[in-house]
């Protein structure tokens, strides 16, 4: 029931934050859970709901979508508030990014970040850039660094600059050993991709 509601909510999304992203985050979280002592039920719910009120996609307040879905799934008010508190700590917010207090939050944060890396991460970066009318690459346009949350949310740089503004940073922001191991491989893949990208760009 929860998965179906997530699928319906993200049915029209083409920005890389769709239903399949939520499922991949859940799958990543399930890998990490095997090495951590945690509330697996809570991890599952948070993983599926983590983007339901993402400011990049929805114009909701007070986690309206997440609350509605959980209420329709008959979750208790205590569970709903716990999930909301955890979701609020997960997103990347530039220099204002925080580490979740709970192990469940740490796991989902790692799982979400892993889906922003590697081959999938590259595909999602270009999907998001295209969805928001961003240029692929502009030679001489340098990435912006040390952005706070407001600057990061309002920033309209190129997709290639996004690698330096976020994607290359998250390997060193992982919370769990399992995620760190996976992130290392995916980070290397992205760097090789960018090297090839520049080689091909400079052939023009």
N, C-alpha and C. Protein backbone atom coordinates (compact mmCIF):
# COMPACT_ATOMS: atom_id res chain seq x y z
N UNK A 1 0.83 -1.21 0.00
CA UNK A 1 0.00 0.00 0.00
C UNK A 1 0.87 1.26 0.00
N UNK A 2 1.91 1.27 0.82
CA UNK A 2 2.79 2.44 0.88
C UNK A 2 3.50 2.65 -0.45
N UNK A 3 4.02 1.59 -1.04
CA UNK A 3 4.72 1.70 -2.31
C UNK A 3 3.79 2.21 -3.41
N UNK A 4 2.56 1.74 -3.41
CA UNK A 4 1.61 2.18 -4.43
C UNK A 4 1.33 3.67 -4.32
N UNK A 5 1.22 4.17 -3.11
CA UNK A 5 0.97 5.60 -2.91
C UNK A 5 2.16 6.43 -3.35
N UNK A 6 3.37 5.92 -3.11
CA UNK A 6 4.57 6.60 -3.57
C UNK A 6 4.60 6.63 -5.10
N UNK A 7 4.24 5.51 -5.69
CA UNK A 7 4.22 5.42 -7.16
C UNK A 7 3.25 6.43 -7.75
N UNK A 8 2.10 6.58 -7.14
CA UNK A 8 1.09 7.54 -7.62
C UNK A 8 1.58 8.98 -7.46
N UNK A 9 2.23 9.27 -6.34
CA UNK A 9 2.70 10.63 -6.07
C UNK A 9 3.75 11.09 -7.07
N UNK A 10 4.64 10.17 -7.45
CA UNK A 10 5.75 10.52 -8.33
C UNK A 10 5.50 10.15 -9.80
N UNK A 11 4.26 9.87 -10.14
CA UNK A 11 3.93 9.38 -11.47
C UNK A 11 4.38 10.31 -12.60
N UNK A 12 4.38 11.61 -12.35
CA UNK A 12 4.71 12.58 -13.41
C UNK A 12 6.14 13.10 -13.33
N UNK A 13 6.93 12.62 -12.39
CA UNK A 13 8.26 13.19 -12.20
C UNK A 13 9.25 12.72 -13.26
N UNK A 14 10.01 13.66 -13.81
CA UNK A 14 11.06 13.35 -14.79
C UNK A 14 12.39 13.97 -14.36
N UNK A 15 12.52 14.28 -13.08
CA UNK A 15 13.71 15.00 -12.61
C UNK A 15 14.75 14.08 -11.97
N UNK A 16 14.47 12.77 -11.97
CA UNK A 16 15.39 11.85 -11.30
C UNK A 16 15.02 11.59 -9.86
N UNK A 17 13.89 12.16 -9.42
CA UNK A 17 13.42 11.93 -8.05
C UNK A 17 12.09 11.16 -8.10
N UNK A 18 12.03 10.18 -8.96
CA UNK A 18 10.79 9.47 -9.22
C UNK A 18 10.61 8.27 -8.29
N UNK A 19 9.58 7.49 -8.58
CA UNK A 19 9.26 6.28 -7.81
C UNK A 19 10.45 5.33 -7.77
N UNK A 20 11.12 5.19 -8.91
CA UNK A 20 12.24 4.24 -8.98
C UNK A 20 13.42 4.70 -8.13
N UNK A 21 13.59 6.00 -8.00
CA UNK A 21 14.61 6.52 -7.08
C UNK A 21 14.28 6.09 -5.65
N UNK A 22 13.02 6.22 -5.26
CA UNK A 22 12.62 5.82 -3.91
C UNK A 22 12.88 4.34 -3.68
N UNK A 23 12.61 3.51 -4.69
CA UNK A 23 12.86 2.07 -4.55
C UNK A 23 14.35 1.77 -4.46
N UNK A 24 15.16 2.49 -5.23
CA UNK A 24 16.61 2.27 -5.16
C UNK A 24 17.16 2.69 -3.80
N UNK A 25 16.64 3.78 -3.26
CA UNK A 25 17.06 4.20 -1.92
C UNK A 25 16.68 3.12 -0.91
N UNK A 26 15.49 2.57 -1.05
CA UNK A 26 15.08 1.47 -0.17
C UNK A 26 16.02 0.28 -0.31
N UNK A 27 16.37 -0.09 -1.53
CA UNK A 27 17.27 -1.22 -1.76
C UNK A 27 18.66 -0.94 -1.18
N UNK A 28 19.15 0.29 -1.35
CA UNK A 28 20.44 0.65 -0.76
C UNK A 28 20.39 0.55 0.76
N UNK A 29 19.29 1.03 1.32
CA UNK A 29 19.13 1.00 2.78
C UNK A 29 19.10 -0.44 3.29
N UNK A 30 18.47 -1.32 2.53
CA UNK A 30 18.39 -2.73 2.95
C UNK A 30 19.77 -3.38 2.97
N UNK A 31 20.67 -2.95 2.09
CA UNK A 31 22.05 -3.45 2.10
C UNK A 31 22.78 -2.97 3.36
N UNK A 32 22.60 -1.71 3.67
CA UNK A 32 23.29 -1.12 4.82
C UNK A 32 22.76 -1.69 6.13
N UNK A 33 21.46 -1.93 6.18
CA UNK A 33 20.81 -2.44 7.39
C UNK A 33 21.44 -3.74 7.88
N UNK A 34 21.93 -4.54 6.95
CA UNK A 34 22.50 -5.84 7.31
C UNK A 34 23.72 -5.71 8.22
N UNK A 35 24.36 -4.54 8.17
CA UNK A 35 25.57 -4.34 8.98
C UNK A 35 25.34 -3.41 10.17
N UNK A 36 24.10 -2.98 10.38
CA UNK A 36 23.81 -2.02 11.45
C UNK A 36 22.66 -2.50 12.32
N UNK A 37 22.73 -2.19 13.62
CA UNK A 37 21.63 -2.47 14.52
C UNK A 37 20.66 -1.29 14.46
N UNK A 38 19.44 -1.56 14.02
CA UNK A 38 18.51 -0.46 13.82
C UNK A 38 17.07 -0.98 13.78
N UNK A 39 16.14 -0.05 13.68
CA UNK A 39 14.74 -0.37 13.49
C UNK A 39 14.49 -0.48 11.99
N UNK A 40 14.50 -1.69 11.46
CA UNK A 40 14.39 -1.89 10.02
C UNK A 40 13.06 -1.38 9.46
N UNK A 41 12.01 -1.49 10.24
CA UNK A 41 10.69 -1.01 9.82
C UNK A 41 10.74 0.50 9.60
N UNK A 42 11.36 1.21 10.53
CA UNK A 42 11.47 2.66 10.41
C UNK A 42 12.33 3.04 9.21
N UNK A 43 13.41 2.32 8.98
CA UNK A 43 14.27 2.57 7.83
C UNK A 43 13.47 2.45 6.54
N UNK A 44 12.65 1.42 6.44
CA UNK A 44 11.85 1.18 5.24
C UNK A 44 10.90 2.35 4.97
N UNK A 45 10.20 2.79 6.01
CA UNK A 45 9.23 3.88 5.84
C UNK A 45 9.93 5.18 5.46
N UNK A 46 11.00 5.51 6.17
CA UNK A 46 11.72 6.76 5.89
C UNK A 46 12.31 6.73 4.48
N UNK A 47 12.86 5.59 4.07
CA UNK A 47 13.44 5.48 2.73
C UNK A 47 12.41 5.75 1.65
N UNK A 48 11.23 5.20 1.80
CA UNK A 48 10.19 5.37 0.80
C UNK A 48 9.60 6.78 0.79
N UNK A 49 9.57 7.43 1.95
CA UNK A 49 8.92 8.73 2.06
C UNK A 49 9.88 9.92 2.02
N UNK A 50 11.16 9.67 1.92
CA UNK A 50 12.14 10.74 2.14
C UNK A 50 12.01 11.91 1.17
N UNK A 51 11.47 11.69 -0.05
CA UNK A 51 11.37 12.76 -1.03
C UNK A 51 9.94 13.25 -1.26
N UNK A 52 9.00 12.80 -0.46
CA UNK A 52 7.59 13.10 -0.73
C UNK A 52 7.25 14.59 -0.56
N UNK A 53 8.10 15.33 0.12
CA UNK A 53 7.88 16.77 0.28
C UNK A 53 9.14 17.56 -0.04
N UNK A 54 9.99 16.97 -0.89
CA UNK A 54 11.23 17.64 -1.27
C UNK A 54 10.91 18.97 -1.95
N UNK A 55 11.54 20.03 -1.47
CA UNK A 55 11.28 21.37 -1.99
C UNK A 55 11.60 21.50 -3.47
N UNK A 56 12.47 20.63 -4.00
CA UNK A 56 12.82 20.67 -5.41
C UNK A 56 11.68 20.15 -6.29
N UNK A 57 10.73 19.45 -5.67
CA UNK A 57 9.67 18.80 -6.45
C UNK A 57 8.28 19.29 -6.08
N UNK A 58 8.04 19.47 -4.78
CA UNK A 58 6.70 19.82 -4.31
C UNK A 58 6.69 21.15 -3.56
N UNK A 59 5.56 21.81 -3.61
CA UNK A 59 5.39 23.08 -2.89
C UNK A 59 4.49 22.85 -1.68
N UNK A 60 4.89 21.93 -0.83
CA UNK A 60 4.11 21.60 0.35
C UNK A 60 4.73 22.23 1.59
N UNK A 61 3.96 22.27 2.65
CA UNK A 61 4.47 22.75 3.95
C UNK A 61 4.17 21.70 5.00
N UNK A 62 5.01 21.68 6.04
CA UNK A 62 4.82 20.77 7.17
C UNK A 62 4.69 19.31 6.75
N UNK A 63 5.41 18.93 5.69
CA UNK A 63 5.46 17.54 5.23
C UNK A 63 4.05 16.98 4.97
N UNK A 64 3.28 17.77 4.25
CA UNK A 64 1.87 17.44 3.99
C UNK A 64 1.70 16.10 3.26
N UNK A 65 2.52 15.86 2.25
CA UNK A 65 2.39 14.60 1.49
C UNK A 65 2.72 13.39 2.35
N UNK A 66 3.84 13.47 3.06
CA UNK A 66 4.25 12.35 3.91
C UNK A 66 3.20 12.06 4.98
N UNK A 67 2.69 13.11 5.61
CA UNK A 67 1.68 12.93 6.65
C UNK A 67 0.42 12.27 6.08
N UNK A 68 -0.03 12.75 4.91
CA UNK A 68 -1.24 12.19 4.31
C UNK A 68 -1.07 10.71 4.00
N UNK A 69 0.05 10.38 3.39
CA UNK A 69 0.29 8.98 3.01
C UNK A 69 0.34 8.09 4.25
N UNK A 70 1.03 8.52 5.28
CA UNK A 70 1.13 7.69 6.50
C UNK A 70 -0.21 7.56 7.19
N UNK A 71 -0.99 8.62 7.19
CA UNK A 71 -2.33 8.54 7.79
C UNK A 71 -3.22 7.58 7.00
N UNK A 72 -3.11 7.62 5.68
CA UNK A 72 -3.90 6.72 4.84
C UNK A 72 -3.46 5.26 5.01
N UNK A 73 -2.22 5.08 5.47
CA UNK A 73 -1.70 3.73 5.73
C UNK A 73 -1.88 3.34 7.20
N UNK A 74 -2.60 4.19 7.93
CA UNK A 74 -2.97 3.91 9.33
C UNK A 74 -1.77 3.80 10.28
N UNK A 75 -0.74 4.57 10.03
CA UNK A 75 0.39 4.61 10.97
C UNK A 75 0.00 5.46 12.16
N UNK A 76 0.58 5.16 13.30
CA UNK A 76 0.26 5.90 14.51
C UNK A 76 0.85 7.30 14.46
N UNK A 77 0.31 8.22 15.26
CA UNK A 77 0.82 9.58 15.28
C UNK A 77 2.26 9.63 15.77
N UNK A 78 2.61 8.76 16.72
CA UNK A 78 3.99 8.72 17.20
C UNK A 78 4.95 8.33 16.07
N UNK A 79 4.54 7.33 15.29
CA UNK A 79 5.37 6.89 14.17
C UNK A 79 5.49 7.99 13.13
N UNK A 80 4.38 8.64 12.83
CA UNK A 80 4.37 9.72 11.84
C UNK A 80 5.34 10.83 12.24
N UNK A 81 5.30 11.25 13.50
CA UNK A 81 6.18 12.33 13.96
C UNK A 81 7.64 11.89 13.94
N UNK A 82 7.88 10.64 14.30
CA UNK A 82 9.24 10.11 14.27
C UNK A 82 9.78 10.11 12.85
N UNK A 83 8.97 9.66 11.91
CA UNK A 83 9.37 9.62 10.50
C UNK A 83 9.65 11.04 9.99
N UNK A 84 8.77 11.97 10.30
CA UNK A 84 8.95 13.36 9.86
C UNK A 84 10.24 13.94 10.42
N UNK A 85 10.49 13.72 11.69
CA UNK A 85 11.72 14.23 12.31
C UNK A 85 12.95 13.68 11.60
N UNK A 86 12.89 12.40 11.23
CA UNK A 86 14.03 11.76 10.57
C UNK A 86 14.21 12.29 9.15
N UNK A 87 13.12 12.39 8.40
CA UNK A 87 13.19 12.90 7.03
C UNK A 87 13.78 14.31 7.00
N UNK A 88 13.45 15.12 7.99
CA UNK A 88 13.88 16.52 8.00
C UNK A 88 15.40 16.66 8.10
N UNK A 89 16.09 15.59 8.49
CA UNK A 89 17.55 15.66 8.69
C UNK A 89 18.35 15.10 7.51
N UNK A 90 17.67 14.55 6.51
CA UNK A 90 18.36 13.75 5.50
C UNK A 90 18.94 14.53 4.33
N UNK A 91 18.26 15.55 3.83
CA UNK A 91 18.63 16.20 2.58
C UNK A 91 20.00 16.88 2.61
N UNK A 92 20.59 16.98 1.43
CA UNK A 92 21.82 17.75 1.24
C UNK A 92 21.44 19.22 1.23
N UNK A 93 22.08 20.03 2.07
CA UNK A 93 21.76 21.45 2.20
C UNK A 93 23.00 22.31 2.15
N UNK A 94 23.93 21.92 1.30
CA UNK A 94 25.17 22.68 1.21
C UNK A 94 25.92 22.66 2.53
N UNK A 95 26.41 23.81 2.96
CA UNK A 95 27.18 23.88 4.20
C UNK A 95 26.30 23.66 5.44
N UNK A 96 24.98 23.65 5.25
CA UNK A 96 24.06 23.45 6.37
C UNK A 96 23.57 22.00 6.47
N UNK A 97 24.18 21.12 5.67
CA UNK A 97 23.85 19.70 5.77
C UNK A 97 24.18 19.19 7.16
N UNK A 98 23.29 18.36 7.72
CA UNK A 98 23.53 17.83 9.05
C UNK A 98 23.57 16.30 9.02
N UNK A 99 24.16 15.73 10.05
CA UNK A 99 24.15 14.29 10.23
C UNK A 99 22.95 13.92 11.09
N UNK A 100 22.09 13.03 10.62
CA UNK A 100 20.92 12.65 11.42
C UNK A 100 21.32 12.12 12.79
N UNK A 101 20.45 12.32 13.77
CA UNK A 101 20.71 11.87 15.13
C UNK A 101 20.57 10.36 15.26
N UNK A 102 19.59 9.79 14.57
CA UNK A 102 19.31 8.36 14.71
C UNK A 102 20.09 7.53 13.70
N UNK A 103 20.33 6.27 14.02
CA UNK A 103 21.00 5.37 13.08
C UNK A 103 20.11 5.15 11.86
N UNK A 104 18.80 5.16 12.07
CA UNK A 104 17.88 4.99 10.94
C UNK A 104 18.03 6.15 9.95
N UNK A 105 18.14 7.36 10.49
CA UNK A 105 18.34 8.52 9.63
C UNK A 105 19.67 8.47 8.91
N UNK A 106 20.71 8.05 9.60
CA UNK A 106 22.04 7.93 9.00
C UNK A 106 22.01 6.94 7.84
N UNK A 107 21.32 5.82 8.03
CA UNK A 107 21.23 4.79 7.00
C UNK A 107 20.53 5.32 5.76
N UNK A 108 19.39 5.96 5.94
CA UNK A 108 18.64 6.46 4.79
C UNK A 108 19.38 7.61 4.12
N UNK A 109 20.04 8.44 4.88
CA UNK A 109 20.83 9.52 4.29
C UNK A 109 21.92 8.92 3.39
N UNK A 110 22.60 7.90 3.89
CA UNK A 110 23.61 7.22 3.09
C UNK A 110 23.00 6.59 1.84
N UNK A 111 21.86 5.93 2.01
CA UNK A 111 21.20 5.26 0.89
C UNK A 111 20.79 6.25 -0.19
N UNK A 112 20.31 7.39 0.23
CA UNK A 112 19.91 8.45 -0.70
C UNK A 112 21.14 9.00 -1.42
N UNK A 113 22.20 9.23 -0.69
CA UNK A 113 23.42 9.77 -1.29
C UNK A 113 24.04 8.79 -2.28
N UNK A 114 23.96 7.52 -1.98
CA UNK A 114 24.52 6.52 -2.91
C UNK A 114 23.81 6.58 -4.26
N UNK A 115 22.53 6.91 -4.25
CA UNK A 115 21.80 6.97 -5.51
C UNK A 115 22.12 8.24 -6.30
N UNK A 116 22.88 9.14 -5.70
CA UNK A 116 23.35 10.34 -6.40
C UNK A 116 24.75 10.13 -6.95
N UNK A 117 25.26 8.90 -6.85
CA UNK A 117 26.62 8.60 -7.27
C UNK A 117 26.64 7.51 -8.34
N UNK A 118 27.80 7.32 -8.94
CA UNK A 118 27.97 6.25 -9.92
C UNK A 118 27.19 6.49 -11.20
N UNK A 119 26.91 5.42 -11.94
CA UNK A 119 26.22 5.54 -13.22
C UNK A 119 24.82 6.12 -13.04
N UNK A 120 24.11 5.64 -12.02
CA UNK A 120 22.76 6.16 -11.76
C UNK A 120 22.83 7.64 -11.39
N UNK A 121 23.79 8.00 -10.58
CA UNK A 121 23.94 9.39 -10.18
C UNK A 121 24.21 10.30 -11.36
N UNK A 122 25.03 9.84 -12.29
CA UNK A 122 25.31 10.62 -13.50
C UNK A 122 24.03 10.81 -14.31
N UNK A 123 23.29 9.71 -14.50
CA UNK A 123 22.04 9.78 -15.26
C UNK A 123 21.04 10.73 -14.60
N UNK A 124 20.95 10.66 -13.27
CA UNK A 124 20.01 11.52 -12.55
C UNK A 124 20.43 12.99 -12.63
N UNK A 125 21.73 13.24 -12.59
CA UNK A 125 22.22 14.62 -12.66
C UNK A 125 21.81 15.27 -13.98
N UNK A 126 21.97 14.54 -15.07
CA UNK A 126 21.60 15.10 -16.37
C UNK A 126 20.09 15.15 -16.57
N UNK A 127 19.37 14.21 -15.97
CA UNK A 127 17.91 14.26 -16.03
C UNK A 127 17.41 15.50 -15.30
N UNK A 128 17.96 15.76 -14.13
CA UNK A 128 17.54 16.93 -13.34
C UNK A 128 17.92 18.22 -14.06
N UNK A 129 19.13 18.25 -14.61
CA UNK A 129 19.56 19.45 -15.32
C UNK A 129 18.67 19.76 -16.51
N UNK A 130 18.34 18.73 -17.29
CA UNK A 130 17.48 18.93 -18.43
C UNK A 130 16.08 19.34 -18.02
N UNK A 131 15.59 18.75 -16.94
CA UNK A 131 14.26 19.08 -16.44
C UNK A 131 14.17 20.52 -15.96
N UNK A 132 15.32 21.09 -15.58
CA UNK A 132 15.34 22.46 -15.08
C UNK A 132 16.06 23.42 -16.04
N UNK A 133 16.14 23.02 -17.31
CA UNK A 133 16.69 23.88 -18.37
C UNK A 133 18.10 24.37 -18.08
N UNK A 134 18.91 23.49 -17.51
CA UNK A 134 20.29 23.87 -17.21
C UNK A 134 21.23 23.41 -18.31
N UNK A 135 22.25 24.19 -18.58
CA UNK A 135 23.24 23.82 -19.58
C UNK A 135 24.02 22.60 -19.10
N UNK A 136 24.47 21.79 -20.04
CA UNK A 136 25.31 20.65 -19.69
C UNK A 136 26.67 21.15 -19.19
N UNK A 137 27.28 22.01 -19.97
CA UNK A 137 28.62 22.50 -19.61
C UNK A 137 28.88 23.82 -20.32
N UNK A 138 29.47 24.75 -19.61
CA UNK A 138 29.89 26.04 -20.19
C UNK A 138 31.34 26.25 -19.82
N UNK A 139 32.27 26.09 -20.75
CA UNK A 139 33.69 26.30 -20.44
C UNK A 139 33.91 27.67 -19.81
N UNK A 140 34.70 27.69 -18.75
CA UNK A 140 34.98 28.94 -18.07
C UNK A 140 34.00 29.28 -16.96
N UNK A 141 32.88 28.56 -16.92
CA UNK A 141 31.90 28.77 -15.84
C UNK A 141 32.29 27.89 -14.66
N UNK A 142 32.77 28.50 -13.61
CA UNK A 142 33.32 27.75 -12.49
C UNK A 142 32.23 27.36 -11.49
N UNK A 143 32.41 26.21 -10.84
CA UNK A 143 31.43 25.80 -9.83
C UNK A 143 31.44 26.72 -8.61
N UNK A 144 30.30 26.79 -7.94
CA UNK A 144 30.20 27.59 -6.71
C UNK A 144 30.45 26.67 -5.53
N UNK A 145 31.24 27.11 -4.58
CA UNK A 145 31.57 26.28 -3.42
C UNK A 145 31.10 26.93 -2.14
N UNK A 146 31.01 26.11 -1.10
CA UNK A 146 30.63 26.58 0.24
C UNK A 146 29.29 27.32 0.25
N UNK A 147 28.32 26.80 -0.51
CA UNK A 147 26.99 27.41 -0.52
C UNK A 147 26.19 26.97 0.69
N UNK A 148 25.46 27.89 1.30
CA UNK A 148 24.54 27.49 2.37
C UNK A 148 23.27 26.96 1.72
N UNK A 149 22.29 26.59 2.53
CA UNK A 149 21.09 25.94 1.99
C UNK A 149 20.36 26.85 0.99
N UNK A 150 20.16 28.10 1.34
CA UNK A 150 19.44 29.02 0.45
C UNK A 150 20.18 29.20 -0.87
N UNK A 151 21.49 29.38 -0.79
CA UNK A 151 22.28 29.55 -2.01
C UNK A 151 22.24 28.28 -2.87
N UNK A 152 22.32 27.12 -2.21
CA UNK A 152 22.31 25.86 -2.94
C UNK A 152 20.96 25.64 -3.64
N UNK A 153 19.86 25.94 -2.94
CA UNK A 153 18.53 25.75 -3.51
C UNK A 153 18.27 26.68 -4.68
N UNK A 154 18.81 27.89 -4.63
CA UNK A 154 18.54 28.88 -5.67
C UNK A 154 19.58 28.91 -6.78
N UNK A 155 20.61 28.11 -6.61
CA UNK A 155 21.71 28.10 -7.57
C UNK A 155 21.28 27.48 -8.90
N UNK A 156 21.71 28.06 -10.01
CA UNK A 156 21.34 27.57 -11.33
C UNK A 156 22.59 27.35 -12.18
N UNK A 157 23.47 26.54 -11.72
CA UNK A 157 24.71 26.27 -12.44
C UNK A 157 24.52 25.17 -13.48
N UNK A 158 25.63 24.77 -14.10
CA UNK A 158 25.58 23.72 -15.11
C UNK A 158 25.57 22.34 -14.44
N UNK A 159 25.20 21.33 -15.23
CA UNK A 159 25.20 19.97 -14.69
C UNK A 159 26.62 19.50 -14.38
N UNK A 160 27.57 19.85 -15.22
CA UNK A 160 28.96 19.45 -14.93
C UNK A 160 29.45 20.10 -13.64
N UNK A 161 29.10 21.35 -13.41
CA UNK A 161 29.51 21.99 -12.15
C UNK A 161 28.89 21.32 -10.94
N UNK A 162 27.72 20.69 -11.12
CA UNK A 162 27.05 20.00 -10.02
C UNK A 162 27.90 18.86 -9.46
N UNK A 163 28.75 18.29 -10.30
CA UNK A 163 29.65 17.24 -9.82
C UNK A 163 30.55 17.79 -8.71
N UNK A 164 31.03 19.02 -8.90
CA UNK A 164 31.94 19.63 -7.94
C UNK A 164 31.19 20.26 -6.76
N UNK A 165 29.98 20.67 -7.01
CA UNK A 165 29.19 21.35 -5.97
C UNK A 165 28.51 20.38 -5.02
N UNK A 166 28.33 19.12 -5.46
CA UNK A 166 27.71 18.13 -4.58
C UNK A 166 28.27 16.72 -4.75
N UNK A 167 28.22 16.19 -5.98
CA UNK A 167 28.47 14.76 -6.17
C UNK A 167 29.84 14.28 -5.71
N UNK A 168 30.88 15.10 -5.90
CA UNK A 168 32.21 14.72 -5.47
C UNK A 168 32.42 14.94 -3.97
N UNK A 169 31.49 15.58 -3.32
CA UNK A 169 31.61 15.85 -1.88
C UNK A 169 31.04 14.72 -1.03
N UNK A 170 30.06 14.02 -1.57
CA UNK A 170 29.28 13.13 -0.69
C UNK A 170 29.99 11.84 -0.29
N UNK A 171 31.03 11.45 -1.04
CA UNK A 171 31.78 10.25 -0.63
C UNK A 171 32.30 10.40 0.80
N UNK A 172 32.78 11.59 1.13
CA UNK A 172 33.37 11.82 2.44
C UNK A 172 32.34 12.23 3.49
N UNK A 173 31.06 12.18 3.12
CA UNK A 173 30.00 12.54 4.05
C UNK A 173 29.18 11.33 4.49
N UNK A 174 29.60 10.14 4.07
CA UNK A 174 28.86 8.92 4.42
C UNK A 174 28.98 8.62 5.91
N UNK A 175 27.93 8.02 6.45
CA UNK A 175 27.88 7.73 7.89
C UNK A 175 28.32 6.31 8.24
N UNK A 176 28.01 5.34 7.39
CA UNK A 176 28.22 3.94 7.72
C UNK A 176 29.36 3.34 6.90
N UNK A 177 30.00 2.33 7.45
CA UNK A 177 31.11 1.68 6.76
C UNK A 177 30.67 1.04 5.45
N UNK A 178 29.49 0.43 5.46
CA UNK A 178 28.97 -0.20 4.25
C UNK A 178 28.83 0.82 3.13
N UNK A 179 28.23 1.96 3.44
CA UNK A 179 28.02 3.00 2.43
C UNK A 179 29.35 3.58 1.97
N UNK A 180 30.30 3.73 2.88
CA UNK A 180 31.61 4.28 2.51
C UNK A 180 32.29 3.40 1.46
N UNK A 181 32.16 2.09 1.62
CA UNK A 181 32.78 1.15 0.68
C UNK A 181 32.15 1.27 -0.71
N UNK A 182 30.83 1.34 -0.75
CA UNK A 182 30.13 1.47 -2.03
C UNK A 182 30.42 2.83 -2.66
N UNK A 183 30.44 3.87 -1.83
CA UNK A 183 30.65 5.24 -2.33
C UNK A 183 32.01 5.40 -2.98
N UNK A 184 33.02 4.74 -2.44
CA UNK A 184 34.36 4.86 -3.01
C UNK A 184 34.40 4.41 -4.46
N UNK A 185 33.76 3.30 -4.75
CA UNK A 185 33.72 2.77 -6.12
C UNK A 185 32.93 3.70 -7.03
N UNK A 186 31.81 4.20 -6.55
CA UNK A 186 30.95 5.06 -7.39
C UNK A 186 31.60 6.42 -7.64
N UNK A 187 32.31 6.93 -6.66
CA UNK A 187 33.02 8.19 -6.83
C UNK A 187 34.08 8.06 -7.91
N UNK A 188 34.81 6.95 -7.88
CA UNK A 188 35.85 6.71 -8.88
C UNK A 188 35.24 6.65 -10.28
N UNK A 189 34.08 6.01 -10.40
CA UNK A 189 33.41 5.89 -11.69
C UNK A 189 33.03 7.28 -12.23
N UNK A 190 32.52 8.13 -11.34
CA UNK A 190 32.12 9.47 -11.78
C UNK A 190 33.32 10.28 -12.24
N UNK A 191 34.43 10.14 -11.56
CA UNK A 191 35.64 10.89 -11.94
C UNK A 191 36.17 10.42 -13.29
N UNK A 192 36.07 9.12 -13.55
CA UNK A 192 36.48 8.60 -14.85
C UNK A 192 35.55 9.11 -15.94
N UNK A 193 34.26 9.17 -15.63
CA UNK A 193 33.29 9.71 -16.60
C UNK A 193 33.63 11.15 -16.95
N UNK A 194 33.92 11.95 -15.94
CA UNK A 194 34.20 13.36 -16.19
C UNK A 194 35.48 13.53 -17.00
N UNK A 195 36.46 12.69 -16.74
CA UNK A 195 37.70 12.73 -17.53
C UNK A 195 37.40 12.46 -18.99
N UNK A 196 36.59 11.43 -19.27
CA UNK A 196 36.21 11.11 -20.63
C UNK A 196 35.38 12.24 -21.25
N UNK A 197 34.50 12.83 -20.44
CA UNK A 197 33.67 13.93 -20.92
C UNK A 197 34.54 15.09 -21.41
N UNK A 198 35.51 15.48 -20.60
CA UNK A 198 36.39 16.59 -20.97
C UNK A 198 37.23 16.24 -22.20
N UNK A 199 37.69 14.98 -22.28
CA UNK A 199 38.47 14.56 -23.45
C UNK A 199 37.66 14.71 -24.73
N UNK A 200 36.40 14.26 -24.68
CA UNK A 200 35.54 14.33 -25.86
C UNK A 200 35.15 15.78 -26.16
N UNK A 201 34.92 16.56 -25.12
CA UNK A 201 34.53 17.97 -25.32
C UNK A 201 35.65 18.72 -26.01
N UNK A 202 36.88 18.44 -25.60
CA UNK A 202 38.03 19.16 -26.14
C UNK A 202 38.42 18.70 -27.54
N UNK A 203 37.78 17.64 -28.03
CA UNK A 203 38.03 17.20 -29.41
C UNK A 203 37.31 18.09 -30.41
N UNK A 204 36.37 18.90 -29.91
CA UNK A 204 35.56 19.72 -30.81
C UNK A 204 36.39 20.85 -31.44
